[in-house]
């Protein structure tokens, strides 16, 4: 929602999207950034496996951003490849960096 409000093009894929579909959608859209909203859910091995697949298979030129309650839980998987946002201010700063207008 913040990215769209900042004037950037956004495609929402939905929740519980398989890793392969995320990577294919990002590639097809020629996206600059893939943003994962990670909400509270029971800790599952499948989530870690899917997240590792996204981290490994995203093209090197695509930035990976994650936020939400569970993003911190998986920070060790995400941060070697991307960023975890702990608040909206950091997220808005990155939106501005890639060309979004500041809200």
PDB file of N, CA and C in Angstrom:
ATOM      1  N   UNK A   1       0.819  -1.179   0.000  1.00  0.00           N
ATOM      2  CA  UNK A   1       0.000   0.000   0.000  1.00  0.00           C
ATOM      3  C   UNK A   1       0.870   1.252   0.000  1.00  0.00           C
ATOM      4  N   UNK A   2       1.921   1.254   0.828  1.00  0.00           N
ATOM      5  CA  UNK A   2       2.815   2.416   0.868  1.00  0.00           C
ATOM      6  C   UNK A   2       3.558   2.608  -0.450  1.00  0.00           C
ATOM      7  N   UNK A   3       3.965   1.526  -1.074  1.00  0.00           N
ATOM      8  CA  UNK A   3       4.668   1.629  -2.357  1.00  0.00           C
ATOM      9  C   UNK A   3       3.738   2.210  -3.425  1.00  0.00           C
ATOM     10  N   UNK A   4       2.507   1.758  -3.475  1.00  0.00           N
ATOM     11  CA  UNK A   4       1.549   2.284  -4.445  1.00  0.00           C
ATOM     12  C   UNK A   4       1.277   3.757  -4.173  1.00  0.00           C
ATOM     13  N   UNK A   5       1.107   4.114  -2.915  1.00  0.00           N
ATOM     14  CA  UNK A   5       0.858   5.503  -2.543  1.00  0.00           C
ATOM     15  C   UNK A   5       2.052   6.387  -2.901  1.00  0.00           C
ATOM     16  N   UNK A   6       3.239   5.800  -2.898  1.00  0.00           N
ATOM     17  CA  UNK A   6       4.448   6.543  -3.253  1.00  0.00           C
ATOM     18  C   UNK A   6       4.601   6.719  -4.755  1.00  0.00           C
ATOM     19  N   UNK A   7       3.669   6.173  -5.524  1.00  0.00           N
ATOM     20  CA  UNK A   7       3.688   6.346  -6.964  1.00  0.00           C
ATOM     21  C   UNK A   7       4.404   5.242  -7.721  1.00  0.00           C
ATOM     22  N   UNK A   8       4.755   4.174  -7.044  1.00  0.00           N
ATOM     23  CA  UNK A   8       5.453   3.069  -7.688  1.00  0.00           C
ATOM     24  C   UNK A   8       4.461   2.011  -8.157  1.00  0.00           C
ATOM     25  N   UNK A   9       4.804   1.321  -9.212  1.00  0.00           N
ATOM     26  CA  UNK A   9       3.968   0.238  -9.708  1.00  0.00           C
ATOM     27  C   UNK A   9       4.024  -0.946  -8.753  1.00  0.00           C
ATOM     28  N   UNK A  10       2.881  -1.514  -8.453  1.00  0.00           N
ATOM     29  CA  UNK A  10       2.799  -2.604  -7.490  1.00  0.00           C
ATOM     30  C   UNK A  10       1.937  -3.722  -8.060  1.00  0.00           C
ATOM     31  N   UNK A  11       2.388  -4.942  -7.859  1.00  0.00           N
ATOM     32  CA  UNK A  11       1.582  -6.111  -8.173  1.00  0.00           C
ATOM     33  C   UNK A  11       1.484  -6.939  -6.904  1.00  0.00           C
ATOM     34  N   UNK A  12       0.283  -7.136  -6.421  1.00  0.00           N
ATOM     35  CA  UNK A  12       0.065  -7.929  -5.211  1.00  0.00           C
ATOM     36  C   UNK A  12      -0.206  -9.363  -5.610  1.00  0.00           C
ATOM     37  N   UNK A  13       0.587 -10.286  -5.088  1.00  0.00           N
ATOM     38  CA  UNK A  13       0.427 -11.695  -5.448  1.00  0.00           C
ATOM     39  C   UNK A  13      -0.499 -12.449  -4.516  1.00  0.00           C
ATOM     40  N   UNK A  14      -0.663 -11.968  -3.288  1.00  0.00           N
ATOM     41  CA  UNK A  14      -1.516 -12.663  -2.338  1.00  0.00           C
ATOM     42  C   UNK A  14      -0.700 -13.310  -1.241  1.00  0.00           C
ATOM     43  N   UNK A  15      -1.381 -14.045  -0.400  1.00  0.00           N
ATOM     44  CA  UNK A  15      -0.704 -14.717   0.707  1.00  0.00           C
ATOM     45  C   UNK A  15      -0.459 -16.184   0.358  1.00  0.00           C
ATOM     46  N   UNK A  16       0.502 -16.768   1.038  1.00  0.00           N
ATOM     47  CA  UNK A  16       0.833 -18.192   0.860  1.00  0.00           C
ATOM     48  C   UNK A  16       1.151 -18.553  -0.585  1.00  0.00           C
ATOM     49  N   UNK A  17       1.881 -17.679  -1.247  1.00  0.00           N
ATOM     50  CA  UNK A  17       2.277 -17.925  -2.638  1.00  0.00           C
ATOM     51  C   UNK A  17       3.555 -18.772  -2.636  1.00  0.00           C
ATOM     52  N   UNK A  18       3.584 -19.846  -3.393  1.00  0.00           N
ATOM     53  CA  UNK A  18       4.797 -20.675  -3.446  1.00  0.00           C
ATOM     54  C   UNK A  18       6.002 -19.887  -3.952  1.00  0.00           C
ATOM     55  N   UNK A  19       7.167 -20.242  -3.458  1.00  0.00           N
ATOM     56  CA  UNK A  19       8.407 -19.538  -3.808  1.00  0.00           C
ATOM     57  C   UNK A  19       8.612 -19.471  -5.317  1.00  0.00           C
ATOM     58  N   UNK A  20       8.400 -20.574  -5.990  1.00  0.00           N
ATOM     59  CA  UNK A  20       8.598 -20.612  -7.447  1.00  0.00           C
ATOM     60  C   UNK A  20       7.719 -19.574  -8.142  1.00  0.00           C
ATOM     61  N   UNK A  21       6.473 -19.422  -7.689  1.00  0.00           N
ATOM     62  CA  UNK A  21       5.564 -18.456  -8.293  1.00  0.00           C
ATOM     63  C   UNK A  21       6.001 -17.021  -8.015  1.00  0.00           C
ATOM     64  N   UNK A  22       6.537 -16.779  -6.822  1.00  0.00           N
ATOM     65  CA  UNK A  22       7.048 -15.443  -6.503  1.00  0.00           C
ATOM     66  C   UNK A  22       8.188 -15.093  -7.453  1.00  0.00           C
ATOM     67  N   UNK A  23       9.149 -15.984  -7.581  1.00  0.00           N
ATOM     68  CA  UNK A  23      10.314 -15.734  -8.435  1.00  0.00           C
ATOM     69  C   UNK A  23       9.882 -15.553  -9.885  1.00  0.00           C
ATOM     70  N   UNK A  24       8.994 -16.398 -10.386  1.00  0.00           N
ATOM     71  CA  UNK A  24       8.524 -16.285 -11.768  1.00  0.00           C
ATOM     72  C   UNK A  24       7.782 -14.970 -12.001  1.00  0.00           C
ATOM     73  N   UNK A  25       6.959 -14.558 -11.041  1.00  0.00           N
ATOM     74  CA  UNK A  25       6.202 -13.311 -11.183  1.00  0.00           C
ATOM     75  C   UNK A  25       7.123 -12.097 -11.193  1.00  0.00           C
ATOM     76  N   UNK A  26       8.108 -12.109 -10.321  1.00  0.00           N
ATOM     77  CA  UNK A  26       9.078 -11.001 -10.270  1.00  0.00           C
ATOM     78  C   UNK A  26       9.853 -10.932 -11.582  1.00  0.00           C
ATOM     79  N   UNK A  27      10.252 -12.076 -12.098  1.00  0.00           N
ATOM     80  CA  UNK A  27      10.992 -12.127 -13.358  1.00  0.00           C
ATOM     81  C   UNK A  27      10.117 -11.647 -14.509  1.00  0.00           C
ATOM     82  N   UNK A  28       8.893 -12.146 -14.599  1.00  0.00           N
ATOM     83  CA  UNK A  28       7.973 -11.772 -15.666  1.00  0.00           C
ATOM     84  C   UNK A  28       7.680 -10.273 -15.664  1.00  0.00           C
ATOM     85  N   UNK A  29       7.518  -9.708 -14.468  1.00  0.00           N
ATOM     86  CA  UNK A  29       7.194  -8.285 -14.339  1.00  0.00           C
ATOM     87  C   UNK A  29       8.423  -7.394 -14.491  1.00  0.00           C
ATOM     88  N   UNK A  30       9.601  -7.997 -14.574  1.00  0.00           N
ATOM     89  CA  UNK A  30      10.855  -7.247 -14.624  1.00  0.00           C
ATOM     90  C   UNK A  30      10.928  -6.261 -13.454  1.00  0.00           C
ATOM     91  N   UNK A  31      10.557  -6.770 -12.278  1.00  0.00           N
ATOM     92  CA  UNK A  31      10.478  -5.946 -11.076  1.00  0.00           C
ATOM     93  C   UNK A  31      11.867  -5.570 -10.571  1.00  0.00           C
ATOM     94  N   UNK A  32      11.931  -4.411  -9.985  1.00  0.00           N
ATOM     95  CA  UNK A  32      13.166  -3.910  -9.379  1.00  0.00           C
ATOM     96  C   UNK A  32      13.312  -4.424  -7.946  1.00  0.00           C
ATOM     97  N   UNK A  33      12.165  -4.641  -7.287  1.00  0.00           N
ATOM     98  CA  UNK A  33      12.145  -5.041  -5.882  1.00  0.00           C
ATOM     99  C   UNK A  33      11.058  -6.083  -5.671  1.00  0.00           C
ATOM    100  N   UNK A  34      11.350  -7.081  -4.832  1.00  0.00           N
ATOM    101  CA  UNK A  34      10.346  -8.028  -4.357  1.00  0.00           C
ATOM    102  C   UNK A  34      10.174  -7.752  -2.868  1.00  0.00           C
ATOM    103  N   UNK A  35       8.949  -7.484  -2.460  1.00  0.00           N
ATOM    104  CA  UNK A  35       8.663  -7.167  -1.061  1.00  0.00           C
ATOM    105  C   UNK A  35       7.836  -8.305  -0.471  1.00  0.00           C
ATOM    106  N   UNK A  36       8.318  -8.851   0.629  1.00  0.00           N
ATOM    107  CA  UNK A  36       7.594  -9.915   1.319  1.00  0.00           C
ATOM    108  C   UNK A  36       7.026  -9.364   2.613  1.00  0.00           C
ATOM    109  N   UNK A  37       5.726  -9.442   2.764  1.00  0.00           N
ATOM    110  CA  UNK A  37       5.073  -9.095   4.023  1.00  0.00           C
ATOM    111  C   UNK A  37       4.919 -10.373   4.821  1.00  0.00           C
ATOM    112  N   UNK A  38       5.582 -10.439   5.953  1.00  0.00           N
ATOM    113  CA  UNK A  38       5.609 -11.673   6.731  1.00  0.00           C
ATOM    114  C   UNK A  38       4.868 -11.468   8.042  1.00  0.00           C
ATOM    115  N   UNK A  39       3.647 -12.006   8.091  1.00  0.00           N
ATOM    116  CA  UNK A  39       2.814 -11.857   9.270  1.00  0.00           C
ATOM    117  C   UNK A  39       2.996 -13.044  10.204  1.00  0.00           C
ATOM    118  N   UNK A  40       2.487 -12.909  11.392  1.00  0.00           N
ATOM    119  CA  UNK A  40       2.624 -13.988  12.380  1.00  0.00           C
ATOM    120  C   UNK A  40       1.910 -15.240  11.914  1.00  0.00           C
ATOM    121  N   UNK A  41       2.626 -16.322  11.991  1.00  0.00           N
ATOM    122  CA  UNK A  41       2.086 -17.634  11.642  1.00  0.00           C
ATOM    123  C   UNK A  41       2.874 -18.669  12.429  1.00  0.00           C
ATOM    124  N   UNK A  42       2.307 -19.822  12.626  1.00  0.00           N
ATOM    125  CA  UNK A  42       3.075 -20.859  13.312  1.00  0.00           C
ATOM    126  C   UNK A  42       4.370 -21.144  12.559  1.00  0.00           C
ATOM    127  N   UNK A  43       5.427 -21.355  13.295  1.00  0.00           N
ATOM    128  CA  UNK A  43       6.722 -21.627  12.657  1.00  0.00           C
ATOM    129  C   UNK A  43       6.648 -22.965  11.933  1.00  0.00           C
ATOM    130  N   UNK A  44       6.905 -22.912  10.646  1.00  0.00           N
ATOM    131  CA  UNK A  44       6.839 -24.118   9.827  1.00  0.00           C
ATOM    132  C   UNK A  44       8.125 -24.265   9.032  1.00  0.00           C
ATOM    133  N   UNK A  45       8.538 -25.476   8.839  1.00  0.00           N
ATOM    134  CA  UNK A  45       9.727 -25.760   8.036  1.00  0.00           C
ATOM    135  C   UNK A  45       9.504 -25.298   6.596  1.00  0.00           C
ATOM    136  N   UNK A  46       8.289 -25.403   6.107  1.00  0.00           N
ATOM    137  CA  UNK A  46       7.988 -25.004   4.729  1.00  0.00           C
ATOM    138  C   UNK A  46       8.240 -23.535   4.474  1.00  0.00           C
ATOM    139  N   UNK A  47       7.975 -22.695   5.450  1.00  0.00           N
ATOM    140  CA  UNK A  47       8.211 -21.264   5.290  1.00  0.00           C
ATOM    141  C   UNK A  47       9.703 -21.010   5.088  1.00  0.00           C
ATOM    142  N   UNK A  48      10.523 -21.624   5.920  1.00  0.00           N
ATOM    143  CA  UNK A  48      11.974 -21.451   5.786  1.00  0.00           C
ATOM    144  C   UNK A  48      12.456 -21.952   4.434  1.00  0.00           C
ATOM    145  N   UNK A  49      11.982 -23.092   4.010  1.00  0.00           N
ATOM    146  CA  UNK A  49      12.382 -23.666   2.725  1.00  0.00           C
ATOM    147  C   UNK A  49      11.984 -22.746   1.575  1.00  0.00           C
ATOM    148  N   UNK A  50      10.745 -22.244   1.595  1.00  0.00           N
ATOM    149  CA  UNK A  50      10.283 -21.334   0.542  1.00  0.00           C
ATOM    150  C   UNK A  50      11.075 -20.037   0.543  1.00  0.00           C
ATOM    151  N   UNK A  51      11.349 -19.515   1.723  1.00  0.00           N
ATOM    152  CA  UNK A  51      12.111 -18.273   1.820  1.00  0.00           C
ATOM    153  C   UNK A  51      13.525 -18.466   1.280  1.00  0.00           C
ATOM    154  N   UNK A  52      14.146 -19.576   1.624  1.00  0.00           N
ATOM    155  CA  UNK A  52      15.491 -19.867   1.099  1.00  0.00           C
ATOM    156  C   UNK A  52      15.472 -19.992  -0.437  1.00  0.00           C
ATOM    157  N   UNK A  53      14.407 -20.546  -0.973  1.00  0.00           N
ATOM    158  CA  UNK A  53      14.281 -20.659  -2.429  1.00  0.00           C
ATOM    159  C   UNK A  53      14.184 -19.280  -3.064  1.00  0.00           C
ATOM    160  N   UNK A  54      13.370 -18.408  -2.509  1.00  0.00           N
ATOM    161  CA  UNK A  54      13.259 -17.043  -3.032  1.00  0.00           C
ATOM    162  C   UNK A  54      14.611 -16.343  -2.968  1.00  0.00           C
ATOM    163  N   UNK A  55      15.272 -16.434  -1.832  1.00  0.00           N
ATOM    164  CA  UNK A  55      16.578 -15.789  -1.652  1.00  0.00           C
ATOM    165  C   UNK A  55      17.573 -16.310  -2.697  1.00  0.00           C
ATOM    166  N   UNK A  56      17.571 -17.589  -2.946  1.00  0.00           N
ATOM    167  CA  UNK A  56      18.531 -18.216  -3.855  1.00  0.00           C
ATOM    168  C   UNK A  56      18.202 -17.960  -5.332  1.00  0.00           C
ATOM    169  N   UNK A  57      16.911 -17.907  -5.676  1.00  0.00           N
ATOM    170  CA  UNK A  57      16.536 -17.881  -7.089  1.00  0.00           C
ATOM    171  C   UNK A  57      16.212 -16.504  -7.661  1.00  0.00           C
ATOM    172  N   UNK A  58      16.027 -15.503  -6.818  1.00  0.00           N
ATOM    173  CA  UNK A  58      15.789 -14.162  -7.366  1.00  0.00           C
ATOM    174  C   UNK A  58      17.017 -13.705  -8.141  1.00  0.00           C
ATOM    175  N   UNK A  59      16.787 -13.023  -9.226  1.00  0.00           N
ATOM    176  CA  UNK A  59      17.900 -12.483 -10.013  1.00  0.00           C
ATOM    177  C   UNK A  59      18.720 -11.517  -9.155  1.00  0.00           C
ATOM    178  N   UNK A  60      20.024 -11.472  -9.353  1.00  0.00           N
ATOM    179  CA  UNK A  60      20.887 -10.615  -8.531  1.00  0.00           C
ATOM    180  C   UNK A  60      20.533  -9.132  -8.594  1.00  0.00           C
ATOM    181  N   UNK A  61      19.921  -8.690  -9.687  1.00  0.00           N
ATOM    182  CA  UNK A  61      19.574  -7.273  -9.822  1.00  0.00           C
ATOM    183  C   UNK A  61      18.249  -6.909  -9.136  1.00  0.00           C
ATOM    184  N   UNK A  62      17.556  -7.870  -8.571  1.00  0.00           N
ATOM    185  CA  UNK A  62      16.283  -7.628  -7.880  1.00  0.00           C
ATOM    186  C   UNK A  62      16.546  -7.519  -6.381  1.00  0.00           C
ATOM    187  N   UNK A  63      16.120  -6.401  -5.805  1.00  0.00           N
ATOM    188  CA  UNK A  63      16.258  -6.228  -4.366  1.00  0.00           C
ATOM    189  C   UNK A  63      15.173  -7.028  -3.654  1.00  0.00           C
ATOM    190  N   UNK A  64      15.520  -7.569  -2.496  1.00  0.00           N
ATOM    191  CA  UNK A  64      14.569  -8.312  -1.678  1.00  0.00           C
ATOM    192  C   UNK A  64      14.357  -7.551  -0.382  1.00  0.00           C
ATOM    193  N   UNK A  65      13.121  -7.203  -0.118  1.00  0.00           N
ATOM    194  CA  UNK A  65      12.759  -6.487   1.102  1.00  0.00           C
ATOM    195  C   UNK A  65      11.739  -7.328   1.854  1.00  0.00           C
ATOM    196  N   UNK A  66      11.801  -7.293   3.172  1.00  0.00           N
ATOM    197  CA  UNK A  66      10.822  -8.010   3.991  1.00  0.00           C
ATOM    198  C   UNK A  66      10.457  -7.173   5.198  1.00  0.00           C
ATOM    199  N   UNK A  67       9.220  -7.276   5.585  1.00  0.00           N
ATOM    200  CA  UNK A  67       8.737  -6.579   6.769  1.00  0.00           C
ATOM    201  C   UNK A  67       7.581  -7.348   7.369  1.00  0.00           C
ATOM    202  N   UNK A  68       7.160  -6.924   8.530  1.00  0.00           N
ATOM    203  CA  UNK A  68       6.077  -7.601   9.228  1.00  0.00           C
ATOM    204  C   UNK A  68       6.608  -8.318  10.455  1.00  0.00           C
ATOM    205  N   UNK A  69       5.697  -8.800  11.258  1.00  0.00           N
ATOM    206  CA  UNK A  69       6.066  -9.434  12.530  1.00  0.00           C
ATOM    207  C   UNK A  69       7.059 -10.577  12.397  1.00  0.00           C
ATOM    208  N   UNK A  70       6.901 -11.407  11.393  1.00  0.00           N
ATOM    209  CA  UNK A  70       7.769 -12.578  11.258  1.00  0.00           C
ATOM    210  C   UNK A  70       9.063 -12.308  10.504  1.00  0.00           C
ATOM    211  N   UNK A  71       9.212 -11.151   9.902  1.00  0.00           N
ATOM    212  CA  UNK A  71      10.436 -10.869   9.148  1.00  0.00           C
ATOM    213  C   UNK A  71      11.669 -10.960  10.041  1.00  0.00           C
ATOM    214  N   UNK A  72      11.558 -10.471  11.250  1.00  0.00           N
ATOM    215  CA  UNK A  72      12.699 -10.535  12.173  1.00  0.00           C
ATOM    216  C   UNK A  72      13.055 -11.983  12.510  1.00  0.00           C
ATOM    217  N   UNK A  73      12.070 -12.831  12.577  1.00  0.00           N
ATOM    218  CA  UNK A  73      12.303 -14.249  12.884  1.00  0.00           C
ATOM    219  C   UNK A  73      13.204 -14.898  11.833  1.00  0.00           C
ATOM    220  N   UNK A  74      13.069 -14.452  10.582  1.00  0.00           N
ATOM    221  CA  UNK A  74      13.821 -15.032   9.474  1.00  0.00           C
ATOM    222  C   UNK A  74      14.922 -14.108   8.960  1.00  0.00           C
ATOM    223  N   UNK A  75      15.298 -13.149   9.767  1.00  0.00           N
ATOM    224  CA  UNK A  75      16.287 -12.153   9.351  1.00  0.00           C
ATOM    225  C   UNK A  75      17.616 -12.785   8.931  1.00  0.00           C
ATOM    226  N   UNK A  76      18.027 -13.833   9.590  1.00  0.00           N
ATOM    227  CA  UNK A  76      19.310 -14.466   9.257  1.00  0.00           C
ATOM    228  C   UNK A  76      19.280 -15.083   7.856  1.00  0.00           C
ATOM    229  N   UNK A  77      18.118 -15.450   7.371  1.00  0.00           N
ATOM    230  CA  UNK A  77      17.986 -15.992   6.016  1.00  0.00           C
ATOM    231  C   UNK A  77      17.922 -14.855   5.001  1.00  0.00           C
ATOM    232  N   UNK A  78      17.246 -13.774   5.353  1.00  0.00           N
ATOM    233  CA  UNK A  78      16.979 -12.676   4.416  1.00  0.00           C
ATOM    234  C   UNK A  78      18.169 -11.737   4.242  1.00  0.00           C
ATOM    235  N   UNK A  79      18.808 -11.342   5.341  1.00  0.00           N
ATOM    236  CA  UNK A  79      19.785 -10.250   5.263  1.00  0.00           C
ATOM    237  C   UNK A  79      21.042 -10.513   4.441  1.00  0.00           C
ATOM    238  N   UNK A  80      21.497 -11.720   4.277  1.00  0.00           N
ATOM    239  CA  UNK A  80      22.639 -11.843   3.372  1.00  0.00           C
ATOM    240  C   UNK A  80      22.292 -11.423   1.937  1.00  0.00           C
ATOM    241  N   UNK A  81      21.001 -11.456   1.607  1.00  0.00           N
ATOM    242  CA  UNK A  81      20.534 -11.176   0.246  1.00  0.00           C
ATOM    243  C   UNK A  81      19.682  -9.919   0.155  1.00  0.00           C
ATOM    244  N   UNK A  82      19.057  -9.533   1.276  1.00  0.00           N
ATOM    245  CA  UNK A  82      18.110  -8.432   1.235  1.00  0.00           C
ATOM    246  C   UNK A  82      18.055  -7.651   2.533  1.00  0.00           C
ATOM    247  N   UNK A  83      16.951  -6.928   2.719  1.00  0.00           N
ATOM    248  CA  UNK A  83      16.772  -6.070   3.883  1.00  0.00           C
ATOM    249  C   UNK A  83      15.512  -6.453   4.644  1.00  0.00           C
ATOM    250  N   UNK A  84      15.589  -6.340   5.953  1.00  0.00           N
ATOM    251  CA  UNK A  84      14.424  -6.502   6.811  1.00  0.00           C
ATOM    252  C   UNK A  84      14.129  -5.141   7.419  1.00  0.00           C
ATOM    253  N   UNK A  85      12.891  -4.701   7.255  1.00  0.00           N
ATOM    254  CA  UNK A  85      12.483  -3.410   7.793  1.00  0.00           C
ATOM    255  C   UNK A  85      11.828  -3.604   9.144  1.00  0.00           C
ATOM    256  N   UNK A  86      12.284  -2.829  10.099  1.00  0.00           N
ATOM    257  CA  UNK A  86      11.757  -2.908  11.455  1.00  0.00           C
ATOM    258  C   UNK A  86      10.704  -1.833  11.721  1.00  0.00           C
ATOM    259  N   UNK A  87      10.582  -0.872  10.807  1.00  0.00           N
ATOM    260  CA  UNK A  87       9.567   0.179  10.955  1.00  0.00           C
ATOM    261  C   UNK A  87       9.253   0.796   9.592  1.00  0.00           C
ATOM    262  N   UNK A  88       8.174   1.555   9.552  1.00  0.00           N
ATOM    263  CA  UNK A  88       7.738   2.167   8.301  1.00  0.00           C
ATOM    264  C   UNK A  88       8.683   3.255   7.820  1.00  0.00           C
ATOM    265  N   UNK A  89       9.355   3.934   8.722  1.00  0.00           N
ATOM    266  CA  UNK A  89      10.268   5.011   8.323  1.00  0.00           C
ATOM    267  C   UNK A  89      11.392   4.462   7.442  1.00  0.00           C
ATOM    268  N   UNK A  90      11.962   3.327   7.821  1.00  0.00           N
ATOM    269  CA  UNK A  90      13.032   2.717   7.023  1.00  0.00           C
ATOM    270  C   UNK A  90      12.493   2.280   5.657  1.00  0.00           C
ATOM    271  N   UNK A  91      11.294   1.745   5.646  1.00  0.00           N
ATOM    272  CA  UNK A  91      10.657   1.315   4.397  1.00  0.00           C
ATOM    273  C   UNK A  91      10.427   2.514   3.480  1.00  0.00           C
ATOM    274  N   UNK A  92       9.891   3.594   4.021  1.00  0.00           N
ATOM    275  CA  UNK A  92       9.642   4.795   3.229  1.00  0.00           C
ATOM    276  C   UNK A  92      10.939   5.392   2.685  1.00  0.00           C
ATOM    277  N   UNK A  93      12.000   5.310   3.453  1.00  0.00           N
ATOM    278  CA  UNK A  93      13.295   5.821   3.001  1.00  0.00           C
ATOM    279  C   UNK A  93      13.764   5.037   1.766  1.00  0.00           C
ATOM    280  N   UNK A  94      13.590   3.728   1.786  1.00  0.00           N
ATOM    281  CA  UNK A  94      13.986   2.910   0.637  1.00  0.00           C
ATOM    282  C   UNK A  94      13.057   3.138  -0.551  1.00  0.00           C
ATOM    283  N   UNK A  95      11.785   3.347  -0.303  1.00  0.00           N
ATOM    284  CA  UNK A  95      10.867   3.673  -1.396  1.00  0.00           C
ATOM    285  C   UNK A  95      11.306   4.952  -2.092  1.00  0.00           C
ATOM    286  N   UNK A  96      11.688   5.948  -1.321  1.00  0.00           N
ATOM    287  CA  UNK A  96      12.166   7.209  -1.882  1.00  0.00           C
ATOM    288  C   UNK A  96      13.456   6.991  -2.675  1.00  0.00           C
ATOM    289  N   UNK A  97      14.331   6.129  -2.174  1.00  0.00           N
ATOM    290  CA  UNK A  97      15.604   5.864  -2.848  1.00  0.00           C
ATOM    291  C   UNK A  97      15.391   5.286  -4.252  1.00  0.00           C
ATOM    292  N   UNK A  98      14.374   4.445  -4.419  1.00  0.00           N
ATOM    293  CA  UNK A  98      14.150   3.841  -5.740  1.00  0.00           C
ATOM    294  C   UNK A  98      13.202   4.663  -6.612  1.00  0.00           C
ATOM    295  N   UNK A  99      12.833   5.843  -6.154  1.00  0.00           N
ATOM    296  CA  UNK A  99      12.055   6.731  -7.007  1.00  0.00           C
ATOM    297  C   UNK A  99      10.648   7.040  -6.575  1.00  0.00           C
ATOM    298  N   UNK A 100      10.240   6.553  -5.421  1.00  0.00           N
ATOM    299  CA  UNK A 100       8.902   6.877  -4.933  1.00  0.00           C
ATOM    300  C   UNK A 100       8.879   8.254  -4.299  1.00  0.00           C
ATOM    301  N   UNK A 101       7.739   8.867  -4.304  1.00  0.00           N
ATOM    302  CA  UNK A 101       7.638  10.171  -3.635  1.00  0.00           C
ATOM    303  C   UNK A 101       7.402   9.931  -2.142  1.00  0.00           C
ATOM    304  N   UNK A 102       7.916  10.823  -1.350  1.00  0.00           N
ATOM    305  CA  UNK A 102       7.791  10.698   0.108  1.00  0.00           C
ATOM    306  C   UNK A 102       6.386  11.076   0.513  1.00  0.00           C
ATOM    307  N   UNK A 103       5.787  10.206   1.335  1.00  0.00           N
ATOM    308  CA  UNK A 103       4.401  10.439   1.791  1.00  0.00           C
ATOM    309  C   UNK A 103       4.361  11.456   2.903  1.00  0.00           C
TER     310      UNK A 103
END
